[in-house]
Amino acid sequence: MGIFDFFKKAGTKVFKNEELENAKAEEAHARKIQLLENIVENVGYEIEDLKIELDDDVVAIYGSANNQAEKEKVILALGNVDGIAAVNDQLTVEEQVPSSTFYTVKSGDTLSKIAKAHYGNAMKYMEIFEANQPLLSDPNKIYPGQVLRIPVLD
């Protein structure tokens, strides 16, 4: 539990549409929460008793995840949305394991370069790729400002 910071101007552009721009403030706010709930659903992990609150550019998420990896992926899915600056994690986890490190991608980074820095072996880039699926579709498609999970290796 805690607050995770993200680059507000990086990530998936889900809040940039005409429907939101033309809606009244209350309707737009409710629609944004619905869009964030859809993101959690699309990641494919079931969060029991899911509740999302949105205060300007900070998302608070409540509920229970099956394990630490699922919890972290949901946090990243929400934080890597353009317009979100922080995620207030209030999720509980049924199965406790060591937390991953969160790493913010910099210009010129590759998964191999990140793996070399964190594991001492560039060939471990697939560990990072797999730890960030389904958020990553291709190991060559990362962008500056994106936040990735760097899991603890056994």
C-alpha atoms as a PDB file:
ATOM      1  CA  MET A   1       0.000   0.000   0.000  1.00  0.00           C
ATOM      2  CA  GLY A   2       1.172   3.490  -0.717  1.00  0.00           C
ATOM      3  CA  ILE A   3       1.350   6.168  -3.361  1.00  0.00           C
ATOM      4  CA  PHE A   4       3.090   5.472  -6.661  1.00  0.00           C
ATOM      5  CA  ASP A   5       4.076   8.432  -8.839  1.00  0.00           C
ATOM      6  CA  PHE A   6       3.851   8.425 -12.623  1.00  0.00           C
ATOM      7  CA  PHE A   7       4.519  10.897 -15.438  1.00  0.00           C
ATOM      8  CA  LYS A   8       1.195  12.626 -15.973  1.00  0.00           C
ATOM      9  CA  LYS A   9       1.842  13.332 -19.658  1.00  0.00           C
ATOM     10  CA  ALA A  10       2.884   9.802 -20.653  1.00  0.00           C
ATOM     11  CA  GLY A  11       0.804   6.742 -21.293  1.00  0.00           C
ATOM     12  CA  THR A  12      -2.366   5.518 -22.903  1.00  0.00           C
ATOM     13  CA  LYS A  13      -4.678   8.341 -23.939  1.00  0.00           C
ATOM     14  CA  VAL A  14      -8.051   7.211 -22.620  1.00  0.00           C
ATOM     15  CA  PHE A  15      -9.323  10.592 -21.416  1.00  0.00           C
ATOM     16  CA  LYS A  16      -8.851  12.402 -24.740  1.00  0.00           C
ATOM     17  CA  ASN A  17     -12.166  12.152 -26.494  1.00  0.00           C
ATOM     18  CA  GLU A  18     -14.950  14.430 -27.593  1.00  0.00           C
ATOM     19  CA  GLU A  19     -17.497  12.725 -25.341  1.00  0.00           C
ATOM     20  CA  LEU A  20     -15.556  13.711 -22.208  1.00  0.00           C
ATOM     21  CA  GLU A  21     -14.810  17.224 -23.433  1.00  0.00           C
ATOM     22  CA  ASN A  22     -18.489  17.930 -24.125  1.00  0.00           C
ATOM     23  CA  ALA A  23     -19.849  16.306 -20.941  1.00  0.00           C
ATOM     24  CA  LYS A  24     -20.734  18.178 -17.781  1.00  0.00           C
ATOM     25  CA  ALA A  25     -18.110  17.958 -15.039  1.00  0.00           C
ATOM     26  CA  GLU A  26     -19.974  15.338 -12.985  1.00  0.00           C
ATOM     27  CA  GLU A  27     -20.707  13.200 -16.035  1.00  0.00           C
ATOM     28  CA  ALA A  28     -17.108  13.457 -17.249  1.00  0.00           C
ATOM     29  CA  HIS A  29     -15.801  12.458 -13.804  1.00  0.00           C
ATOM     30  CA  ALA A  30     -18.089   9.407 -13.661  1.00  0.00           C
ATOM     31  CA  ARG A  31     -17.097   8.445 -17.212  1.00  0.00           C
ATOM     32  CA  LYS A  32     -13.379   8.700 -16.360  1.00  0.00           C
ATOM     33  CA  ILE A  33     -13.870   6.346 -13.416  1.00  0.00           C
ATOM     34  CA  GLN A  34     -15.717   3.946 -15.719  1.00  0.00           C
ATOM     35  CA  LEU A  35     -12.831   4.102 -18.214  1.00  0.00           C
ATOM     36  CA  LEU A  36     -10.350   3.318 -15.419  1.00  0.00           C
ATOM     37  CA  GLU A  37     -12.502   0.388 -14.276  1.00  0.00           C
ATOM     38  CA  ASN A  38     -12.512  -0.856 -17.878  1.00  0.00           C
ATOM     39  CA  ILE A  39      -8.705  -0.734 -17.920  1.00  0.00           C
ATOM     40  CA  VAL A  40      -8.549  -2.922 -14.809  1.00  0.00           C
ATOM     41  CA  GLU A  41     -11.027  -5.334 -16.390  1.00  0.00           C
ATOM     42  CA  ASN A  42      -9.060  -5.414 -19.669  1.00  0.00           C
ATOM     43  CA  VAL A  43      -5.818  -6.288 -17.877  1.00  0.00           C
ATOM     44  CA  GLY A  44      -7.583  -9.544 -17.075  1.00  0.00           C
ATOM     45  CA  TYR A  45      -7.227  -9.699 -13.302  1.00  0.00           C
ATOM     46  CA  GLU A  46     -10.226  -9.882 -11.065  1.00  0.00           C
ATOM     47  CA  ILE A  47      -9.999  -7.464  -8.169  1.00  0.00           C
ATOM     48  CA  GLU A  48     -12.527  -8.416  -5.542  1.00  0.00           C
ATOM     49  CA  ASP A  49     -14.639  -5.488  -4.255  1.00  0.00           C
ATOM     50  CA  LEU A  50     -13.001  -3.122  -6.759  1.00  0.00           C
ATOM     51  CA  LYS A  51     -13.524   0.553  -6.034  1.00  0.00           C
ATOM     52  CA  ILE A  52     -11.792   3.379  -7.884  1.00  0.00           C
ATOM     53  CA  GLU A  53     -11.783   7.020  -6.841  1.00  0.00           C
ATOM     54  CA  LEU A  54     -10.408   9.854  -8.953  1.00  0.00           C
ATOM     55  CA  ASP A  55      -9.308  13.171  -7.488  1.00  0.00           C
ATOM     56  CA  ASP A  56      -7.963  15.376 -10.294  1.00  0.00           C
ATOM     57  CA  ASP A  57      -4.909  13.371 -11.457  1.00  0.00           C
ATOM     58  CA  VAL A  58      -4.688  10.873  -8.563  1.00  0.00           C
ATOM     59  CA  VAL A  59      -6.385   7.478  -8.722  1.00  0.00           C
ATOM     60  CA  ALA A  60      -7.155   5.611  -5.497  1.00  0.00           C
ATOM     61  CA  ILE A  61      -7.818   1.901  -5.901  1.00  0.00           C
ATOM     62  CA  TYR A  62      -9.404  -0.352  -3.306  1.00  0.00           C
ATOM     63  CA  GLY A  63     -10.143  -4.054  -3.239  1.00  0.00           C
ATOM     64  CA  SER A  64      -8.347  -7.364  -2.984  1.00  0.00           C
ATOM     65  CA  ALA A  65      -5.978  -8.926  -5.533  1.00  0.00           C
ATOM     66  CA  ASN A  66      -5.097 -12.603  -5.705  1.00  0.00           C
ATOM     67  CA  ASN A  67      -1.346 -11.981  -5.570  1.00  0.00           C
ATOM     68  CA  GLN A  68       1.364  -9.298  -5.566  1.00  0.00           C
ATOM     69  CA  ALA A  69       2.061  -9.535  -9.309  1.00  0.00           C
ATOM     70  CA  GLU A  70      -1.589  -8.919 -10.200  1.00  0.00           C
ATOM     71  CA  LYS A  71      -1.742  -5.991  -7.772  1.00  0.00           C
ATOM     72  CA  GLU A  72       1.366  -4.412  -9.291  1.00  0.00           C
ATOM     73  CA  LYS A  73       0.126  -4.869 -12.860  1.00  0.00           C
ATOM     74  CA  VAL A  74      -3.176  -3.180 -12.023  1.00  0.00           C
ATOM     75  CA  ILE A  75      -1.315  -0.249 -10.435  1.00  0.00           C
ATOM     76  CA  LEU A  76       0.849   0.066 -13.552  1.00  0.00           C
ATOM     77  CA  ALA A  77      -2.138  -0.195 -15.893  1.00  0.00           C
ATOM     78  CA  LEU A  78      -3.810   2.731 -14.111  1.00  0.00           C
ATOM     79  CA  GLY A  79      -0.636   4.776 -13.622  1.00  0.00           C
ATOM     80  CA  ASN A  80       0.419   4.454 -17.249  1.00  0.00           C
ATOM     81  CA  VAL A  81      -2.644   6.425 -18.366  1.00  0.00           C
ATOM     82  CA  ASP A  82      -2.044   9.893 -19.797  1.00  0.00           C
ATOM     83  CA  GLY A  83      -3.356  12.386 -17.239  1.00  0.00           C
ATOM     84  CA  ILE A  84      -2.699  10.248 -14.156  1.00  0.00           C
ATOM     85  CA  ALA A  85       0.123  11.499 -11.927  1.00  0.00           C
ATOM     86  CA  ALA A  86      -0.202   9.034  -9.032  1.00  0.00           C
ATOM     87  CA  VAL A  87      -1.932   5.880  -7.906  1.00  0.00           C
ATOM     88  CA  ASN A  88      -2.906   5.588  -4.257  1.00  0.00           C
ATOM     89  CA  ASP A  89      -2.698   1.830  -3.722  1.00  0.00           C
ATOM     90  CA  GLN A  90      -5.159   0.608  -1.123  1.00  0.00           C
ATOM     91  CA  LEU A  91      -5.333  -2.935  -2.505  1.00  0.00           C
ATOM     92  CA  THR A  92      -4.864  -5.904  -0.226  1.00  0.00           C
ATOM     93  CA  VAL A  93      -3.206  -9.113  -1.383  1.00  0.00           C
ATOM     94  CA  GLU A  94      -4.179 -12.643  -0.466  1.00  0.00           C
ATOM     95  CA  GLU A  95      -0.790 -14.203  -1.304  1.00  0.00           C
ATOM     96  CA  GLN A  96       2.202 -12.233   0.014  1.00  0.00           C
ATOM     97  CA  VAL A  97       5.476 -12.323  -1.964  1.00  0.00           C
ATOM     98  CA  PRO A  98       8.337  -9.818  -2.302  1.00  0.00           C
ATOM     99  CA  SER A  99       7.396  -6.619  -4.105  1.00  0.00           C
ATOM    100  CA  SER A 100       8.855  -5.806  -7.488  1.00  0.00           C
ATOM    101  CA  THR A 101      10.815  -2.655  -8.185  1.00  0.00           C
ATOM    102  CA  PHE A 102       9.056  -0.078 -10.349  1.00  0.00           C
ATOM    103  CA  TYR A 103      11.304   1.469 -12.996  1.00  0.00           C
ATOM    104  CA  THR A 104      10.546   4.529 -15.129  1.00  0.00           C
ATOM    105  CA  VAL A 105      11.765   4.119 -18.704  1.00  0.00           C
ATOM    106  CA  LYS A 106      14.217   6.785 -19.886  1.00  0.00           C
ATOM    107  CA  SER A 107      15.070   7.854 -23.415  1.00  0.00           C
ATOM    108  CA  GLY A 108      17.405   5.286 -24.990  1.00  0.00           C
ATOM    109  CA  ASP A 109      16.354   2.445 -22.673  1.00  0.00           C
ATOM    110  CA  THR A 110      15.694  -1.048 -23.959  1.00  0.00           C
ATOM    111  CA  LEU A 111      14.521  -4.033 -21.963  1.00  0.00           C
ATOM    112  CA  SER A 112      18.010  -5.537 -22.420  1.00  0.00           C
ATOM    113  CA  LYS A 113      19.656  -2.415 -21.005  1.00  0.00           C
ATOM    114  CA  ILE A 114      17.238  -2.390 -18.061  1.00  0.00           C
ATOM    115  CA  ALA A 115      17.844  -6.114 -17.434  1.00  0.00           C
ATOM    116  CA  LYS A 116      21.614  -5.561 -17.480  1.00  0.00           C
ATOM    117  CA  ALA A 117      21.283  -2.748 -14.922  1.00  0.00           C
ATOM    118  CA  HIS A 118      18.963  -4.658 -12.572  1.00  0.00           C
ATOM    119  CA  TYR A 119      20.068  -8.265 -12.997  1.00  0.00           C
ATOM    120  CA  GLY A 120      23.585  -7.957 -14.387  1.00  0.00           C
ATOM    121  CA  ASN A 121      22.518  -9.902 -17.483  1.00  0.00           C
ATOM    122  CA  ALA A 122      21.000  -8.293 -20.583  1.00  0.00           C
ATOM    123  CA  MET A 123      19.580 -11.650 -21.691  1.00  0.00           C
ATOM    124  CA  LYS A 124      17.119 -11.555 -18.773  1.00  0.00           C
ATOM    125  CA  TYR A 125      15.064  -8.945 -20.662  1.00  0.00           C
ATOM    126  CA  MET A 126      12.329 -11.535 -21.235  1.00  0.00           C
ATOM    127  CA  GLU A 127      11.845 -11.770 -17.452  1.00  0.00           C
ATOM    128  CA  ILE A 128      10.913  -8.084 -17.477  1.00  0.00           C
ATOM    129  CA  PHE A 129       8.778  -8.440 -20.598  1.00  0.00           C
ATOM    130  CA  GLU A 130       6.829 -11.383 -19.144  1.00  0.00           C
ATOM    131  CA  ALA A 131       6.417  -9.597 -15.800  1.00  0.00           C
ATOM    132  CA  ASN A 132       4.725  -6.713 -17.606  1.00  0.00           C
ATOM    133  CA  GLN A 133       2.319  -8.676 -19.778  1.00  0.00           C
ATOM    134  CA  PRO A 134      -0.380  -7.999 -20.831  1.00  0.00           C
ATOM    135  CA  LEU A 135       0.660  -4.345 -20.477  1.00  0.00           C
ATOM    136  CA  LEU A 136       3.482  -4.828 -23.002  1.00  0.00           C
ATOM    137  CA  SER A 137       2.685  -6.375 -26.366  1.00  0.00           C
ATOM    138  CA  ASP A 138       6.225  -6.397 -27.759  1.00  0.00           C
ATOM    139  CA  PRO A 139       9.624  -6.306 -25.973  1.00  0.00           C
ATOM    140  CA  ASN A 140      10.748  -3.587 -28.394  1.00  0.00           C
ATOM    141  CA  LYS A 141       7.824  -1.250 -27.666  1.00  0.00           C
ATOM    142  CA  ILE A 142       8.559   0.712 -24.519  1.00  0.00           C
ATOM    143  CA  TYR A 143       8.535   4.496 -24.239  1.00  0.00           C
ATOM    144  CA  PRO A 144      10.077   7.156 -21.988  1.00  0.00           C
ATOM    145  CA  GLY A 145       7.919   7.841 -18.952  1.00  0.00           C
ATOM    146  CA  GLN A 146       6.392   4.363 -18.951  1.00  0.00           C
ATOM    147  CA  VAL A 147       6.700   2.565 -15.627  1.00  0.00           C
ATOM    148  CA  LEU A 148       7.624  -1.131 -15.642  1.00  0.00           C
ATOM    149  CA  ARG A 149       7.723  -3.893 -13.041  1.00  0.00           C
ATOM    150  CA  ILE A 150      11.165  -5.336 -12.376  1.00  0.00           C
ATOM    151  CA  PRO A 151      10.417  -8.588 -10.507  1.00  0.00           C
ATOM    152  CA  VAL A 152      12.643 -10.211  -7.932  1.00  0.00           C
ATOM    153  CA  LEU A 153      14.278 -13.253  -9.510  1.00  0.00           C
ATOM    154  CA  ASP A 154      14.341 -16.562  -7.659  1.00  0.00           C
END
